[in-house]
Amino acid sequence: MLSFALWLVLLFLCWPLALLALVLYPLVWLITLPFRLIGIGVEGVFALLRAVVMLPARILGGNPR
């Protein structure tokens, strides 16, 4: 909702820039999508490695977090 309000302010102040932002937003979203997917994958790998490293402590009754 806040981003929409900011866009309306931009539309009022400089409508060509607001329309350019409206057109370019889906393109930027598509360009950054692979990087976000890679980030999700890397986060999953790190979570798996952390689980594997912490497994002996969990089995021996360490402090679960």
C-alpha atoms as a PDB file:
ATOM      1  CA  MET A   1       0.000   0.000   0.000  1.00  0.00           C
ATOM      2  CA  LEU A   2       2.873   2.336   0.801  1.00  0.00           C
ATOM      3  CA  SER A   3       4.549   1.662  -2.536  1.00  0.00           C
ATOM      4  CA  PHE A   4       1.288   2.483  -4.329  1.00  0.00           C
ATOM      5  CA  ALA A   5       1.014   5.761  -2.418  1.00  0.00           C
ATOM      6  CA  LEU A   6       4.606   6.616  -3.333  1.00  0.00           C
ATOM      7  CA  TRP A   7       3.843   5.802  -6.949  1.00  0.00           C
ATOM      8  CA  LEU A   8       0.836   8.141  -6.846  1.00  0.00           C
ATOM      9  CA  VAL A   9       3.040  10.926  -5.480  1.00  0.00           C
ATOM     10  CA  LEU A  10       5.534  10.255  -8.266  1.00  0.00           C
ATOM     11  CA  LEU A  11       2.671  10.288 -10.774  1.00  0.00           C
ATOM     12  CA  PHE A  12       1.586  13.679  -9.486  1.00  0.00           C
ATOM     13  CA  LEU A  13       5.107  15.144  -9.490  1.00  0.00           C
ATOM     14  CA  CYS A  14       6.548  13.622 -12.663  1.00  0.00           C
ATOM     15  CA  TRP A  15       4.117  11.514 -14.682  1.00  0.00           C
ATOM     16  CA  PRO A  16       6.592  10.367 -17.403  1.00  0.00           C
ATOM     17  CA  LEU A  17       8.910   8.914 -14.758  1.00  0.00           C
ATOM     18  CA  ALA A  18       5.969   7.219 -13.038  1.00  0.00           C
ATOM     19  CA  LEU A  19       4.813   5.634 -16.295  1.00  0.00           C
ATOM     20  CA  LEU A  20       8.382   4.510 -17.055  1.00  0.00           C
ATOM     21  CA  ALA A  21       8.581   2.903 -13.620  1.00  0.00           C
ATOM     22  CA  LEU A  22       5.238   1.205 -14.231  1.00  0.00           C
ATOM     23  CA  VAL A  23       6.511  -0.264 -17.519  1.00  0.00           C
ATOM     24  CA  LEU A  24       9.983  -1.240 -16.275  1.00  0.00           C
ATOM     25  CA  TYR A  25       8.887  -2.875 -13.002  1.00  0.00           C
ATOM     26  CA  PRO A  26       7.820  -6.213 -14.600  1.00  0.00           C
ATOM     27  CA  LEU A  27      11.042  -6.326 -16.634  1.00  0.00           C
ATOM     28  CA  VAL A  28      13.195  -5.757 -13.563  1.00  0.00           C
ATOM     29  CA  TRP A  29      11.185  -8.400 -11.710  1.00  0.00           C
ATOM     30  CA  LEU A  30      11.851 -10.915 -14.510  1.00  0.00           C
ATOM     31  CA  ILE A  31      15.554 -10.083 -14.601  1.00  0.00           C
ATOM     32  CA  THR A  32      15.976 -10.521 -10.828  1.00  0.00           C
ATOM     33  CA  LEU A  33      13.907 -13.727 -10.644  1.00  0.00           C
ATOM     34  CA  PRO A  34      16.834 -16.103 -11.376  1.00  0.00           C
ATOM     35  CA  PHE A  35      18.940 -14.444  -8.673  1.00  0.00           C
ATOM     36  CA  ARG A  36      16.136 -14.867  -6.134  1.00  0.00           C
ATOM     37  CA  LEU A  37      15.748 -18.539  -7.099  1.00  0.00           C
ATOM     38  CA  ILE A  38      19.502 -19.079  -6.713  1.00  0.00           C
ATOM     39  CA  GLY A  39      19.318 -17.378  -3.313  1.00  0.00           C
ATOM     40  CA  ILE A  40      16.529 -19.718  -2.211  1.00  0.00           C
ATOM     41  CA  GLY A  41      18.590 -22.709  -3.343  1.00  0.00           C
ATOM     42  CA  VAL A  42      21.738 -21.533  -1.572  1.00  0.00           C
ATOM     43  CA  GLU A  43      19.748 -20.875   1.602  1.00  0.00           C
ATOM     44  CA  GLY A  44      18.391 -24.420   1.417  1.00  0.00           C
ATOM     45  CA  VAL A  45      21.877 -25.887   0.987  1.00  0.00           C
ATOM     46  CA  PHE A  46      23.150 -23.937   4.003  1.00  0.00           C
ATOM     47  CA  ALA A  47      20.175 -25.115   6.077  1.00  0.00           C
ATOM     48  CA  LEU A  48      20.921 -28.697   5.076  1.00  0.00           C
ATOM     49  CA  LEU A  49      24.608 -28.343   5.973  1.00  0.00           C
ATOM     50  CA  ARG A  50      23.708 -26.803   9.324  1.00  0.00           C
ATOM     51  CA  ALA A  51      21.299 -29.657  10.038  1.00  0.00           C
ATOM     52  CA  VAL A  52      23.949 -32.254   9.150  1.00  0.00           C
ATOM     53  CA  VAL A  53      26.594 -30.572  11.311  1.00  0.00           C
ATOM     54  CA  MET A  54      24.217 -30.139  14.270  1.00  0.00           C
ATOM     55  CA  LEU A  55      22.806 -33.693  14.060  1.00  0.00           C
ATOM     56  CA  PRO A  56      25.302 -35.292  16.498  1.00  0.00           C
ATOM     57  CA  ALA A  57      24.583 -32.620  19.109  1.00  0.00           C
ATOM     58  CA  ARG A  58      20.836 -33.121  18.721  1.00  0.00           C
ATOM     59  CA  ILE A  59      21.189 -36.881  19.074  1.00  0.00           C
ATOM     60  CA  LEU A  60      23.314 -36.513  22.226  1.00  0.00           C
ATOM     61  CA  GLY A  61      20.718 -34.224  23.757  1.00  0.00           C
ATOM     62  CA  GLY A  62      22.216 -30.813  23.207  1.00  0.00           C
ATOM     63  CA  ASN A  63      20.278 -27.580  23.449  1.00  0.00           C
ATOM     64  CA  PRO A  64      17.845 -27.671  20.464  1.00  0.00           C
ATOM     65  CA  ARG A  65      17.390 -24.396  18.605  1.00  0.00           C
END
